[in-house]
Amino acid sequence: MKYDFGEVVNRKNTNSFKWDSAKDKEDIVPMWVADMDFKAADPILRALESKLRHGVFGYAHLPEAYYGAEIHWWQKRHDCLIEKDWIAFTPGVIPALAAIIQAFSSPGDKVLIQAPVYNSFYGIIKSNGREIVENNLVNTGESYEIDFEDFEKKASDESVKLFILCNPHNPVGRVWSREELERLSAICRKHRVLVVADEIHRDLVFEGRPYVPYASIDANNSITCTSPSKTFNIAGLKMANIITANMDYKEKVKQVMLASGIHDPNVFGIEAFIAAYTEGEEWLDQLLVYLKENRDYFLSFVRERLPNLKVIAPQSTYLMWLDCRALGIGSEELSRKLFDEAGLRINEGSTYGKAGDGFIRINIGCSRAILTEGLNRLEHVIKTIK
């Protein structure tokens, strides 16, 4: 393979949130924050180097190549046609979600989510004065499924204005099928609930069920949030888009962002974005092979050496959702033990909603050497728990 994902890149003392947040503990293995430890693709590095050599970093606008790169990626990678007018820049998915919540609901209104789900959904809903409504996913032991009866019951509440869909789902790794998405769409249209699709993990899908863009189901009663940040490990460059065929929706979101002072794109982010979506496929294809091997190694390790724990093979993402309920302790206590006793930092499941208590989320977007060390530390602590 051209790219060496097994290389251990030293990220300590680089202002990395993932690696440098625990200043009082030197020997840590951080498997928490959802960024990977891999170097970016060569085309991205070349594009950034070219911009750096130019030496002038004033205000920038989005060139035609930016829109063309997004459109090209949707069509080539996901067989979905979108138009330039559907695209609006945002510096990240979370700022986009905040703007959408502000544009389409009022304080006291409700936002529907499917727990356990990305913890930032909780924070952004609460901080904007909206109420969280949870449609808990059903853990069958083999997969996670949607409770459609409960979903419709909650969507029928007139106070529910938005539904935030996570597809592929973080942290459980499900890729929702076309049939499931069509059922969700029908319910949301019936009850006049706007669908906000967070599809930031869309490119990190393994074998099996293909990712289906929600915009291919209904681009008019939805706003999709996308970014190359997870796919190409460039989250720090702060580039994302919202996609909608509804121009009224697009304009409302843009006005909220402008009122918040969000308008100028990152000059380096533009170059990385274009390079990623026009020249990054080789890197991504090789990354997916490596991540699948990491996933399978993780699954084998848990099944062979930690049989009292349970894990469902994710269909997507580089995040493993580990069921530790058999240990009889909460995820927060387990997280503290792992950090204090082994220097292993993970995400406790309780931050993803009550349905996540007793689980932990582990980031496997790292070299096999780091993954192995992290799993050995996990095993050491788990075996001390009686």
Protein backbone atom coordinates (compact mmCIF):
# COMPACT_ATOMS: atom_id res chain seq x y z
CA MET A 1 0.00 0.00 0.00
CA LYS A 2 1.14 3.54 -0.74
CA TYR A 3 0.19 4.93 2.66
CA ASP A 4 1.59 3.60 5.93
CA PHE A 5 -1.22 3.79 8.45
CA GLY A 6 0.86 1.74 10.85
CA GLU A 7 3.28 4.61 11.35
CA VAL A 8 3.15 5.99 14.88
CA VAL A 9 3.01 9.78 14.57
CA ASN A 10 4.00 11.60 17.77
CA ARG A 11 1.16 14.04 18.47
CA LYS A 12 2.23 14.99 21.98
CA ASN A 13 2.97 18.69 22.55
CA THR A 14 1.31 19.67 19.27
CA ASN A 15 -1.68 21.39 20.91
CA SER A 16 -3.72 18.29 20.16
CA PHE A 17 -6.94 18.23 22.15
CA LYS A 18 -6.89 14.45 21.99
CA TRP A 19 -3.31 13.99 23.19
CA ASP A 20 -2.46 17.10 25.21
CA SER A 21 -5.54 17.61 27.39
CA ALA A 22 -4.20 15.52 30.29
CA LYS A 23 -1.14 17.58 31.22
CA ASP A 24 -0.74 15.87 34.59
CA LYS A 25 -0.41 12.39 33.09
CA GLU A 26 2.44 11.59 30.72
CA ASP A 27 1.95 7.96 29.78
CA ILE A 28 -1.52 8.03 28.26
CA VAL A 29 -3.18 6.22 25.41
CA PRO A 30 -5.95 8.55 24.19
CA MET A 31 -8.69 6.63 22.42
CA TRP A 32 -11.46 9.13 22.93
CA VAL A 33 -11.79 12.28 20.77
CA ALA A 34 -13.05 11.39 17.29
CA ASP A 35 -10.05 12.30 15.22
CA MET A 36 -7.54 9.84 13.85
CA ASP A 37 -3.78 9.66 14.40
CA PHE A 38 -2.97 9.33 10.70
CA LYS A 39 -1.23 11.87 8.49
CA ALA A 40 -3.41 13.49 5.87
CA ALA A 41 -3.34 12.33 2.26
CA ASP A 42 -0.46 13.52 0.09
CA PRO A 43 -2.68 15.66 -2.20
CA ILE A 44 -3.96 17.52 0.85
CA LEU A 45 -0.44 18.10 2.16
CA ARG A 46 0.68 19.37 -1.24
CA ALA A 47 -2.25 21.76 -1.47
CA LEU A 48 -1.51 23.15 2.01
CA GLU A 49 2.20 23.47 1.23
CA SER A 50 1.41 25.39 -1.97
CA LYS A 51 -0.82 27.81 -0.07
CA LEU A 52 1.83 28.20 2.62
CA ARG A 53 4.52 29.03 0.08
CA HIS A 54 2.30 31.69 -1.45
CA GLY A 55 2.60 33.46 1.87
CA VAL A 56 -0.49 35.69 1.85
CA PHE A 57 -3.40 34.58 4.01
CA GLY A 58 -6.06 37.27 3.66
CA TYR A 59 -9.81 36.84 3.52
CA ALA A 60 -11.00 34.20 1.08
CA HIS A 61 -14.10 33.32 -0.88
CA LEU A 62 -15.24 29.92 -2.09
CA PRO A 63 -14.16 29.27 -5.70
CA GLU A 64 -16.12 27.27 -8.25
CA ALA A 65 -13.71 24.40 -7.65
CA TYR A 66 -14.98 24.16 -4.06
CA TYR A 67 -18.58 23.61 -5.12
CA GLY A 68 -17.48 21.34 -7.95
CA ALA A 69 -15.52 19.17 -5.51
CA GLU A 70 -18.56 18.68 -3.26
CA ILE A 71 -20.87 17.90 -6.18
CA HIS A 72 -18.29 15.53 -7.71
CA TRP A 73 -17.89 13.64 -4.42
CA TRP A 74 -21.61 13.15 -3.92
CA GLN A 75 -22.01 11.79 -7.43
CA LYS A 76 -18.89 9.63 -7.71
CA ARG A 77 -18.73 8.27 -4.20
CA HIS A 78 -22.42 8.11 -3.28
CA ASP A 79 -24.31 8.12 -6.59
CA CYS A 80 -26.36 11.16 -5.61
CA LEU A 81 -26.84 14.33 -7.66
CA ILE A 82 -26.87 17.68 -5.88
CA GLU A 83 -26.74 21.21 -7.23
CA LYS A 84 -24.50 24.16 -6.45
CA ASP A 85 -27.43 26.20 -5.12
CA TRP A 86 -28.06 23.55 -2.48
CA ILE A 87 -24.66 24.11 -0.84
CA ALA A 88 -23.81 26.59 1.91
CA PHE A 89 -20.53 26.81 3.82
CA THR A 90 -20.26 26.44 7.58
CA PRO A 91 -17.11 26.07 9.72
CA GLY A 92 -18.33 22.79 11.18
CA VAL A 93 -21.29 20.50 11.69
CA ILE A 94 -21.91 21.66 15.27
CA PRO A 95 -22.08 25.38 14.30
CA ALA A 96 -24.43 24.31 11.50
CA LEU A 97 -26.66 22.42 13.93
CA ALA A 98 -26.77 25.43 16.25
CA ALA A 99 -27.79 27.71 13.38
CA ILE A 100 -30.46 25.26 12.18
CA ILE A 101 -31.91 24.89 15.69
CA GLN A 102 -32.08 28.67 16.03
CA ALA A 103 -33.61 29.14 12.58
CA PHE A 104 -36.38 26.55 12.84
CA SER A 105 -37.39 26.45 16.49
CA SER A 106 -37.91 28.71 19.47
CA PRO A 107 -36.83 28.39 23.11
CA GLY A 108 -38.98 25.72 24.74
CA ASP A 109 -39.54 23.79 21.49
CA LYS A 110 -38.41 20.18 21.27
CA VAL A 111 -35.75 18.42 19.22
CA LEU A 112 -35.94 14.67 18.60
CA ILE A 113 -32.81 12.50 18.67
CA GLN A 114 -32.08 8.76 18.71
CA ALA A 115 -30.15 7.75 21.82
CA PRO A 116 -27.50 6.69 22.47
CA VAL A 117 -26.19 9.37 20.15
CA TYR A 118 -23.36 11.85 19.66
CA ASN A 119 -22.97 13.74 22.92
CA SER A 120 -22.66 17.18 21.28
CA PHE A 121 -26.29 16.91 20.16
CA TYR A 122 -27.29 17.15 23.81
CA GLY A 123 -25.12 20.17 24.48
CA ILE A 124 -26.15 22.15 21.42
CA ILE A 125 -29.86 21.53 22.01
CA LYS A 126 -29.72 22.44 25.69
CA SER A 127 -27.51 25.50 25.21
CA ASN A 128 -30.06 26.91 22.78
CA GLY A 129 -32.88 26.50 25.27
CA ARG A 130 -34.65 23.66 23.50
CA GLU A 131 -35.95 20.45 25.05
CA ILE A 132 -34.47 17.06 24.18
CA VAL A 133 -36.80 14.21 23.22
CA GLU A 134 -35.21 10.77 22.93
CA ASN A 135 -36.30 7.95 20.67
CA ASN A 136 -34.11 5.23 22.15
CA LEU A 137 -32.59 2.79 19.69
CA VAL A 138 -33.21 -0.89 20.41
CA ASN A 139 -30.15 -3.02 21.12
CA THR A 140 -30.99 -6.50 19.82
CA GLY A 141 -27.61 -7.93 20.78
CA GLU A 142 -26.73 -8.26 17.10
CA SER A 143 -27.52 -4.74 15.96
CA TYR A 144 -29.30 -1.52 16.84
CA GLU A 145 -32.77 -0.95 15.39
CA ILE A 146 -35.22 1.94 15.32
CA ASP A 147 -38.38 1.80 17.44
CA PHE A 148 -40.67 3.31 14.80
CA GLU A 149 -43.80 3.20 16.96
CA ASP A 150 -42.07 5.27 19.64
CA PHE A 151 -40.54 7.53 16.99
CA GLU A 152 -43.93 8.43 15.51
CA LYS A 153 -45.45 8.93 18.94
CA LYS A 154 -42.74 11.46 19.77
CA ALA A 155 -42.69 13.10 16.33
CA SER A 156 -46.46 13.69 16.57
CA ASP A 157 -45.94 16.13 19.45
CA GLU A 158 -46.54 19.58 17.93
CA SER A 159 -43.69 20.98 20.01
CA VAL A 160 -41.19 18.76 18.18
CA LYS A 161 -39.85 20.93 15.37
CA LEU A 162 -36.67 19.11 14.38
CA PHE A 163 -35.32 15.59 14.19
CA ILE A 164 -31.52 15.21 14.13
CA LEU A 165 -30.64 12.05 12.26
CA CYS A 166 -27.15 10.60 12.72
CA ASN A 167 -26.25 8.55 9.63
CA PRO A 168 -23.97 6.68 9.88
CA HIS A 169 -24.72 6.61 13.56
CA ASN A 170 -22.25 7.70 16.22
CA PRO A 171 -21.58 5.86 18.51
CA VAL A 172 -23.31 2.58 17.56
CA GLY A 173 -21.95 2.40 14.00
CA ARG A 174 -25.24 1.65 12.22
CA VAL A 175 -25.72 2.63 8.58
CA TRP A 176 -29.45 3.16 8.12
CA SER A 177 -31.06 1.40 5.15
CA ARG A 178 -33.11 3.11 2.46
CA GLU A 179 -36.24 1.46 3.83
CA GLU A 180 -35.56 2.78 7.34
CA LEU A 181 -34.86 6.28 6.04
CA GLU A 182 -38.03 6.27 3.94
CA ARG A 183 -40.09 5.31 7.01
CA LEU A 184 -38.50 8.11 9.03
CA SER A 185 -39.12 10.54 6.16
CA ALA A 186 -42.79 9.62 5.87
CA ILE A 187 -43.32 10.13 9.61
CA CYS A 188 -41.52 13.47 9.65
CA ARG A 189 -43.40 14.78 6.63
CA LYS A 190 -46.71 13.67 8.14
CA HIS A 191 -46.02 15.57 11.36
CA ARG A 192 -44.17 18.51 9.78
CA VAL A 193 -40.87 17.78 11.46
CA LEU A 194 -37.72 19.05 9.73
CA VAL A 195 -35.05 16.38 9.28
CA VAL A 196 -31.48 17.47 9.99
CA ALA A 197 -29.08 14.77 8.79
CA ASP A 198 -25.62 14.69 10.34
CA GLU A 199 -23.74 12.62 7.76
CA ILE A 200 -20.19 13.48 8.78
CA HIS A 201 -19.19 9.78 8.90
CA ARG A 202 -20.71 8.99 5.49
CA ASP A 203 -17.46 7.95 3.82
CA LEU A 204 -16.27 5.59 6.56
CA VAL A 205 -18.50 2.63 5.70
CA PHE A 206 -17.37 -1.00 5.68
CA GLU A 207 -18.78 -3.93 3.73
CA GLY A 208 -22.47 -4.70 3.83
CA ARG A 209 -25.25 -2.15 3.79
CA PRO A 210 -24.31 0.91 1.71
CA TYR A 211 -24.67 4.44 3.01
CA VAL A 212 -27.78 6.15 1.60
CA PRO A 213 -27.71 9.97 1.61
CA TYR A 214 -30.85 11.33 3.20
CA ALA A 215 -30.99 13.92 0.44
CA SER A 216 -31.67 11.07 -2.01
CA ILE A 217 -34.82 10.33 0.02
CA ASP A 218 -36.08 13.88 0.53
CA ALA A 219 -33.89 16.90 -0.19
CA ASN A 220 -36.71 19.39 0.36
CA ASN A 221 -37.79 18.60 3.93
CA SER A 222 -34.23 18.17 5.13
CA ILE A 223 -30.88 19.83 5.69
CA THR A 224 -27.81 17.59 5.45
CA CYS A 225 -24.57 18.43 7.21
CA THR A 226 -21.39 17.10 5.61
CA SER A 227 -17.65 17.59 5.96
CA PRO A 228 -14.40 15.94 4.89
CA SER A 229 -13.15 16.36 8.46
CA LYS A 230 -13.73 12.80 9.73
CA THR A 231 -13.04 11.15 6.39
CA PHE A 232 -9.67 12.80 5.78
CA ASN A 233 -8.68 13.67 9.36
CA ILE A 234 -8.72 17.43 8.80
CA ALA A 235 -11.19 18.53 11.49
CA GLY A 236 -8.88 21.33 12.63
CA LEU A 237 -9.25 23.09 9.27
CA LYS A 238 -12.90 23.86 10.02
CA MET A 239 -14.70 23.23 6.74
CA ALA A 240 -18.20 21.83 6.33
CA ASN A 241 -21.36 22.38 4.31
CA ILE A 242 -25.10 22.25 4.68
CA ILE A 243 -27.00 20.76 1.76
CA THR A 244 -30.70 21.37 1.00
CA ALA A 245 -32.87 21.71 -2.08
CA ASN A 246 -35.17 24.05 -0.13
CA MET A 247 -33.88 27.56 -0.80
CA ASP A 248 -36.00 29.05 1.99
CA TYR A 249 -34.33 26.68 4.46
CA LYS A 250 -30.90 27.51 3.13
CA GLU A 251 -31.50 31.25 3.38
CA LYS A 252 -32.81 31.05 6.94
CA VAL A 253 -29.74 29.15 8.08
CA LYS A 254 -27.39 31.54 6.28
CA GLN A 255 -29.04 34.53 7.94
CA VAL A 256 -28.59 33.01 11.40
CA MET A 257 -24.94 32.29 10.66
CA LEU A 258 -24.36 35.81 9.38
CA ALA A 259 -26.00 37.22 12.52
CA SER A 260 -23.54 35.11 14.54
CA GLY A 261 -20.57 36.44 12.56
CA ILE A 262 -20.01 33.22 10.61
CA HIS A 263 -19.09 34.02 7.02
CA ASP A 264 -15.38 33.73 6.17
CA PRO A 265 -13.92 30.32 5.26
CA ASN A 266 -10.45 29.19 6.35
CA VAL A 267 -7.94 29.83 3.56
CA PHE A 268 -6.13 26.55 4.22
CA GLY A 269 -9.39 24.69 4.68
CA ILE A 270 -10.54 25.58 1.17
CA GLU A 271 -7.42 24.07 -0.39
CA ALA A 272 -7.62 20.93 1.74
CA PHE A 273 -11.32 20.51 0.98
CA ILE A 274 -10.82 20.65 -2.79
CA ALA A 275 -7.80 18.34 -2.72
CA ALA A 276 -9.58 15.81 -0.50
CA TYR A 277 -12.67 15.49 -2.66
CA THR A 278 -10.87 15.54 -6.02
CA GLU A 279 -7.67 13.58 -5.29
CA GLY A 280 -8.19 11.80 -1.97
CA GLU A 281 -9.90 8.56 -2.97
CA GLU A 282 -6.76 6.42 -3.04
CA TRP A 283 -5.89 7.43 0.52
CA LEU A 284 -9.48 6.82 1.68
CA ASP A 285 -9.72 3.39 0.08
CA GLN A 286 -6.50 2.31 1.79
CA LEU A 287 -7.65 3.85 5.07
CA LEU A 288 -10.86 1.79 4.99
CA VAL A 289 -8.84 -1.40 4.62
CA TYR A 290 -6.73 -0.50 7.64
CA LEU A 291 -9.72 0.56 9.75
CA LYS A 292 -11.54 -2.67 8.94
CA GLU A 293 -8.48 -4.64 10.07
CA ASN A 294 -8.41 -2.59 13.28
CA ARG A 295 -12.11 -3.22 13.78
CA ASP A 296 -11.72 -6.95 13.29
CA TYR A 297 -8.69 -7.07 15.59
CA PHE A 298 -10.71 -5.26 18.26
CA LEU A 299 -13.64 -7.66 17.88
CA SER A 300 -11.37 -10.72 18.16
CA PHE A 301 -9.56 -9.32 21.19
CA VAL A 302 -12.77 -8.67 23.10
CA ARG A 303 -14.31 -12.02 22.21
CA GLU A 304 -11.20 -14.01 23.12
CA ARG A 305 -9.82 -12.10 26.11
CA LEU A 306 -12.76 -10.14 27.51
CA PRO A 307 -15.69 -12.51 26.96
CA ASN A 308 -17.82 -10.90 29.67
CA LEU A 309 -18.01 -7.75 27.53
CA LYS A 310 -20.07 -7.44 24.37
CA VAL A 311 -19.48 -5.54 21.19
CA ILE A 312 -21.49 -5.23 17.98
CA ALA A 313 -19.43 -4.95 14.81
CA PRO A 314 -19.96 -1.41 13.50
CA GLN A 315 -20.97 -0.99 9.88
CA SER A 316 -19.24 2.37 9.82
CA THR A 317 -16.96 4.84 11.66
CA TYR A 318 -13.71 4.20 13.54
CA LEU A 319 -15.59 4.10 16.85
CA MET A 320 -16.26 0.93 18.84
CA TRP A 321 -19.25 0.81 21.20
CA LEU A 322 -18.38 -1.60 24.00
CA ASP A 323 -21.07 -3.00 26.31
CA CYS A 324 -19.55 -3.22 29.81
CA ARG A 325 -22.77 -3.59 31.79
CA ALA A 326 -21.76 -7.06 32.98
CA LEU A 327 -19.09 -5.40 35.15
CA GLY A 328 -21.77 -3.91 37.36
CA ILE A 329 -20.35 -0.38 37.39
CA GLY A 330 -21.41 2.76 35.55
CA SER A 331 -19.53 4.07 32.54
CA GLU A 332 -18.28 7.16 34.40
CA GLU A 333 -16.70 5.07 37.16
CA LEU A 334 -15.20 2.71 34.59
CA SER A 335 -13.82 5.64 32.62
CA ARG A 336 -12.13 7.01 35.74
CA LYS A 337 -10.62 3.62 36.57
CA LEU A 338 -9.23 3.19 33.07
CA PHE A 339 -7.65 6.62 33.16
CA ASP A 340 -6.36 6.57 36.73
CA GLU A 341 -5.08 3.00 36.75
CA ALA A 342 -3.95 2.51 33.15
CA GLY A 343 -3.72 5.93 31.50
CA LEU A 344 -6.32 4.82 28.95
CA ARG A 345 -8.69 7.60 27.98
CA ILE A 346 -12.01 6.67 26.39
CA ASN A 347 -15.50 8.23 26.18
CA GLU A 348 -17.96 7.12 28.84
CA GLY A 349 -21.25 6.01 27.36
CA SER A 350 -23.43 8.02 29.73
CA THR A 351 -22.57 11.20 27.82
CA TYR A 352 -24.53 9.77 24.86
CA GLY A 353 -27.74 9.66 26.87
CA LYS A 354 -29.07 7.39 29.61
CA ALA A 355 -29.23 4.57 27.07
CA GLY A 356 -25.43 4.69 26.93
CA ASP A 357 -24.71 4.12 30.60
CA GLY A 358 -22.65 0.98 31.08
CA PHE A 359 -21.04 1.38 27.66
CA ILE A 360 -17.79 3.02 26.58
CA ARG A 361 -16.76 4.38 23.18
CA ILE A 362 -13.26 3.61 21.93
CA ASN A 363 -11.56 5.29 18.96
CA ILE A 364 -9.63 2.80 16.79
CA GLY A 365 -8.44 5.40 14.27
CA CYS A 366 -4.82 4.79 15.22
CA SER A 367 -1.85 2.57 14.45
CA ARG A 368 -2.14 -1.12 15.31
CA ALA A 369 0.62 -0.62 17.88
CA ILE A 370 -1.39 2.00 19.76
CA LEU A 371 -4.57 -0.03 19.44
CA THR A 372 -2.83 -3.10 20.88
CA GLU A 373 -1.40 -1.12 23.78
CA GLY A 374 -4.79 0.40 24.53
CA LEU A 375 -6.54 -2.96 24.50
CA ASN A 376 -3.90 -4.49 26.76
CA ARG A 377 -4.47 -1.67 29.24
CA LEU A 378 -8.21 -2.17 28.98
CA GLU A 379 -7.83 -5.87 29.71
CA HIS A 380 -5.58 -5.17 32.71
CA VAL A 381 -8.16 -2.93 34.36
CA ILE A 382 -11.20 -5.04 33.46
CA LYS A 383 -9.64 -8.11 35.06
CA THR A 384 -9.22 -6.26 38.37
CA ILE A 385 -12.95 -5.62 38.60
CA LYS A 386 -14.67 -8.32 40.66
